[in-house]
Amino acid sequence: HIYAMSFGALSSHAVMALNGGAKLGNFAHNTGEGGISSYHLKFAGDLTWQIGTGYFGCRTVNGGFSEKLFAEKAMLPSVKMIEIKLSQGAKPGHAGVLPACKNTPEIAKIRGVEAYTQINSPATHSAFSTPIELLEFIQQLRDLSGGKPIGFKLCIGQRSDFLALCKAMLKTGI
């Protein structure tokens, strides 16, 4: 499994090399939260599509989650799984920033944003705010993707947060 590194952080050639290697090795390639680029699709390697708080590739004009755009991309044959990025160890609870100078027209098109503008990834998701709402969002993504597996990535800061998530799983059956 090739873990999450976005196009933009990696060059087009690097993304193609990783995806081609994933295809040859018969393992998955995680897109990172920057969206699905044509470079991720060129060799038809299996993809895990990572969705972060910026909803890149499936966002509305105001930055929220778009069911329509999500469903379109989730149904791509290369997309085998979706991963919701809740947090990561390098910056738990912090927002991300893509400086305007790095937000090229190509990157902007993939992410669904305006080119040469600063793009902020919020510290939290706008589609849910509680463990039960997260699980309901997971079920929504399953339905919109035709039943593809939905996972999530998180950095556990407090044991109680993880236990709340476990309790929500038991309560909802999701």
Protein backbone atom coordinates (compact mmCIF):
# COMPACT_ATOMS: atom_id res chain seq x y z
CA HIS A 1 0.00 0.00 0.00
CA ILE A 2 1.36 3.41 -0.98
CA TYR A 3 0.24 5.86 1.62
CA ALA A 4 -1.27 9.31 1.21
CA MET A 5 0.74 11.85 -0.77
CA SER A 6 -1.14 14.40 -2.88
CA PHE A 7 -0.47 15.53 -6.41
CA GLY A 8 1.05 18.97 -5.92
CA ALA A 9 3.15 17.78 -3.01
CA LEU A 10 4.39 15.19 -5.52
CA SER A 11 5.06 15.85 -9.20
CA SER A 12 2.98 14.33 -11.97
CA HIS A 13 5.84 11.95 -12.79
CA ALA A 14 6.08 10.80 -9.16
CA VAL A 15 2.33 10.15 -8.95
CA MET A 16 2.40 8.20 -12.22
CA ALA A 17 5.42 6.17 -11.09
CA LEU A 18 3.75 5.31 -7.78
CA ASN A 19 0.46 4.40 -9.42
CA GLY A 20 2.19 2.35 -12.12
CA GLY A 21 4.13 0.52 -9.42
CA ALA A 22 0.93 -0.11 -7.48
CA LYS A 23 -0.64 -1.57 -10.61
CA LEU A 24 2.36 -3.83 -11.27
CA GLY A 25 2.59 -4.90 -7.63
CA ASN A 26 -1.17 -5.37 -7.26
CA PHE A 27 -1.53 -3.08 -4.24
CA ALA A 28 -3.34 0.18 -3.53
CA HIS A 29 -2.22 3.78 -3.93
CA ASN A 30 -3.69 6.42 -1.58
CA THR A 31 -4.34 9.75 -3.35
CA GLY A 32 -3.74 12.01 -0.36
CA GLU A 33 -6.33 14.67 0.40
CA GLY A 34 -5.61 16.74 -2.75
CA GLY A 35 -8.09 14.86 -4.93
CA ILE A 36 -7.86 12.45 -7.84
CA SER A 37 -5.68 13.69 -10.70
CA SER A 38 -5.39 12.26 -14.21
CA TYR A 39 -1.94 11.07 -13.09
CA HIS A 40 -3.57 8.84 -10.47
CA LEU A 41 -5.69 7.28 -13.23
CA LYS A 42 -3.15 6.91 -16.04
CA PHE A 43 -2.05 3.35 -15.20
CA ALA A 44 -5.36 2.25 -13.62
CA GLY A 45 -3.75 1.19 -10.36
CA ASP A 46 -6.15 0.61 -7.47
CA LEU A 47 -6.83 3.83 -5.56
CA THR A 48 -7.81 4.68 -2.04
CA TRP A 49 -9.37 8.13 -2.40
CA GLN A 50 -8.59 10.21 0.67
CA ILE A 51 -11.08 12.92 1.61
CA GLY A 52 -9.99 15.55 4.10
CA THR A 53 -11.67 18.59 5.59
CA GLY A 54 -11.27 20.59 2.37
CA TYR A 55 -13.35 18.00 0.45
CA PHE A 56 -11.02 18.40 -2.54
CA GLY A 57 -12.56 16.89 -5.64
CA CYS A 58 -16.00 16.67 -3.99
CA ARG A 59 -16.60 20.15 -2.66
CA THR A 60 -19.28 22.74 -3.19
CA VAL A 61 -18.41 26.28 -4.24
CA ASN A 62 -18.44 27.35 -0.57
CA GLY A 63 -16.19 24.45 0.52
CA GLY A 64 -18.77 22.01 1.85
CA PHE A 65 -19.26 18.38 0.82
CA SER A 66 -20.91 17.72 -2.57
CA GLU A 67 -22.79 14.43 -2.82
CA LYS A 68 -22.96 14.73 -6.61
CA LEU A 69 -19.23 15.29 -7.16
CA PHE A 70 -18.37 12.61 -4.62
CA ALA A 71 -20.60 10.03 -6.32
CA GLU A 72 -19.12 10.81 -9.76
CA LYS A 73 -15.55 10.25 -8.59
CA ALA A 74 -16.29 7.39 -6.19
CA MET A 75 -17.73 5.38 -9.08
CA LEU A 76 -14.47 5.57 -11.08
CA PRO A 77 -13.27 2.00 -11.68
CA SER A 78 -9.84 2.69 -10.14
CA VAL A 79 -11.35 3.91 -6.86
CA LYS A 80 -11.58 0.80 -4.70
CA MET A 81 -11.93 2.45 -1.28
CA ILE A 82 -12.54 5.84 0.30
CA GLU A 83 -10.65 7.07 3.37
CA ILE A 84 -11.90 9.97 5.47
CA LYS A 85 -8.95 11.87 6.91
CA LEU A 86 -9.97 13.01 10.38
CA SER A 87 -6.49 13.98 11.58
CA GLN A 88 -2.86 13.01 11.30
CA GLY A 89 -0.04 12.68 13.77
CA ALA A 90 2.06 15.46 12.23
CA LYS A 91 -0.62 18.08 12.87
CA PRO A 92 -3.54 16.81 14.96
CA GLY A 93 -6.26 19.42 15.34
CA HIS A 94 -4.57 21.88 12.98
CA ALA A 95 -5.75 23.28 9.68
CA GLY A 96 -3.80 23.08 6.43
CA VAL A 97 -2.92 25.89 4.04
CA LEU A 98 -2.12 25.77 0.33
CA PRO A 99 -0.43 29.09 -0.53
CA ALA A 100 -1.86 30.95 -3.53
CA CYS A 101 1.44 30.68 -5.44
CA LYS A 102 1.28 26.85 -5.29
CA ASN A 103 -2.39 26.67 -6.28
CA THR A 104 -1.83 26.37 -10.04
CA PRO A 105 -4.69 26.06 -12.55
CA GLU A 106 -4.09 22.30 -12.76
CA ILE A 107 -4.15 21.81 -8.99
CA ALA A 108 -7.16 24.12 -8.65
CA LYS A 109 -9.14 22.13 -11.23
CA ILE A 110 -8.44 18.83 -9.45
CA ARG A 111 -9.35 20.28 -6.05
CA GLY A 112 -12.38 22.23 -7.28
CA VAL A 113 -11.12 25.64 -6.17
CA GLU A 114 -10.13 28.93 -7.80
CA ALA A 115 -6.54 29.06 -9.07
CA TYR A 116 -3.95 31.31 -7.43
CA THR A 117 -5.98 31.77 -4.25
CA GLN A 118 -4.93 30.61 -0.79
CA ILE A 119 -6.86 27.47 0.12
CA ASN A 120 -7.45 26.63 3.75
CA SER A 121 -8.32 23.13 4.90
CA PRO A 122 -10.29 23.56 8.12
CA ALA A 123 -9.18 21.81 11.30
CA THR A 124 -12.45 19.84 11.38
CA HIS A 125 -15.01 18.45 8.94
CA SER A 126 -18.13 20.49 8.20
CA ALA A 127 -20.16 17.39 7.20
CA PHE A 128 -20.21 16.02 10.76
CA SER A 129 -19.27 17.02 14.30
CA THR A 130 -20.02 14.03 16.55
CA PRO A 131 -19.03 10.36 16.45
CA ILE A 132 -22.58 9.35 15.48
CA GLU A 133 -22.64 11.97 12.71
CA LEU A 134 -19.28 10.62 11.46
CA LEU A 135 -20.76 7.13 11.23
CA GLU A 136 -23.84 8.47 9.44
CA PHE A 137 -21.49 10.23 6.99
CA ILE A 138 -19.65 6.92 6.47
CA GLN A 139 -22.97 5.25 5.64
CA GLN A 140 -23.83 8.11 3.26
CA LEU A 141 -20.50 7.65 1.46
CA ARG A 142 -21.08 3.88 1.24
CA ASP A 143 -24.45 4.49 -0.35
CA LEU A 144 -23.15 7.15 -2.77
CA SER A 145 -20.19 4.96 -3.80
CA GLY A 146 -22.23 1.87 -4.58
CA GLY A 147 -21.10 0.06 -1.45
CA LYS A 148 -17.35 0.61 -1.63
CA PRO A 149 -15.44 0.27 1.65
CA ILE A 150 -15.15 3.47 3.69
CA GLY A 151 -12.41 3.86 6.27
CA PHE A 152 -10.99 6.70 8.30
CA LYS A 153 -7.61 7.92 9.47
CA LEU A 154 -7.14 9.59 12.81
CA CYS A 155 -4.55 10.50 15.38
CA ILE A 156 -5.82 9.61 18.82
CA GLY A 157 -5.11 12.46 21.19
CA GLN A 158 -7.44 11.45 23.99
CA ARG A 159 -8.56 7.97 24.92
CA SER A 160 -12.09 9.25 25.60
CA ASP A 161 -12.46 10.40 21.97
CA PHE A 162 -11.65 6.91 20.72
CA LEU A 163 -14.00 5.29 23.22
CA ALA A 164 -16.79 7.65 22.14
CA LEU A 165 -16.26 6.51 18.56
CA CYS A 166 -16.37 2.84 19.62
CA LYS A 167 -19.60 3.45 21.55
CA ALA A 168 -21.12 5.19 18.52
CA MET A 169 -20.21 2.17 16.35
CA LEU A 170 -21.96 -0.16 18.76
CA LYS A 171 -25.00 2.13 19.03
CA THR A 172 -25.46 2.66 15.27
CA GLY A 173 -24.25 -0.71 14.00
CA ILE A 174 -22.21 1.13 11.36
